[in-house]
Amino acid sequence: MIDITPAAVACGIVLGTGLWLVIFRSLLMRATTLTERIEPQLKSQNLESRLLRLGEANLTPFGPLERILRPVIRDGMAALGRLNPSPGATARRLAQAGITKTSIDFRAEQLLWAAAGFVAALGVTALGAAAGRFNPLLAAVAVLGSAVGGFMLRDYWLGVQVKRRESRMMAEFPSLAELMALAVSAGESATGALDRVCRSAKGELTKEFADILAETRAGKPLVQALQEFSARTDMAPLVRFVDGIIVAVQRGTPLADVLRAQAQDVRDIAKRDLMEAAGKKEIAMMVPLVFGVLPLTVVFAVFPGLAAINLGF
């Protein structure tokens, strides 16, 4: 019987993968894309030499290995994009988090997190096997669970990023609304007020206003840019704020009073949330008081009397 060592198995896998990359992923075996087909016809429009072009930047620290596997990674990301069940929802959450990535890039990042969890669990399992503690079922569950956990952890972290950014935007909103109301009261239009706010303030909400202003300057109507911003946010005060601006622009109604009222509403909501948080913290403070401080107080009150009784005083 021939003994096959793990090193021989690993060498065989690496050799097979290398031969597969050389044979099936070569230029002769790959399907020609539409860009590659029409590129020779557009050479007269692009006179730059390929030798002078900058290479694509590496996204991972693997260097040449990444450049070798780049065609496979691109094909896998394209297939992942076709299998993505909700690319629109993912793109909307990325926009809410202020992340300039496509849904395909986010799914690829999720796979990298899953691969990191898989490798970490595999390393821990290998260390346990080297120490003589190895359970095949437990190892398989740990490795697969770590991979799935890494995949889901990236999605959870995206939700955390969305909540943090929305909280910062809500904290900035009252001041920006009053600043915009002041600009409108001074005679500025809605576009001019947005421009003044973008030049005078900094923050997450200011970045959104700057994007709206940039789209407006590029030729998109202001109402359409505001409606797109309202569609990609879930915060009701901001939606009402944008709807008020849209109504004022379309019908010519006074805008300054509406903006001030909305800013005051947001401040009232912040006060109410603060009171609710204080009430919850007050209840949470009862736990260490009842289970920590009160038993110690009882012990300090009763122990001297018990000691005196034991001593016969």
Foldseek 3Di string as FASTA:
>chain_A
DDDDDPVNVVVVVVVVVVVCLVPCVDPVNDDDDPCNVCVVVCCVVPVDDPVPDDDDDDPDPPPPVCVSCVVVVVVVLVVVVVVDPCQPVQVLLCVLLVHPDGSSVLQVVLQVQLVVQLVVLVVVQVVCVVVVHHDPVVSVCSNNVSSVVSSVVSVVVSVVSSVVQVVFCLVCQLVLLLQLLVVVVVPDANLRSLVVSLVPDDGSVSVLSVVLSVVVVVPDDSLVSLVVVLVSDDDVLSVQLSVLSNCCVVPVDRRSVVSNVSSVVSVVVVVVVVVVVVVVVVVVVVVCVVPPVVVVVVCVVCVVVVVCVVVPD
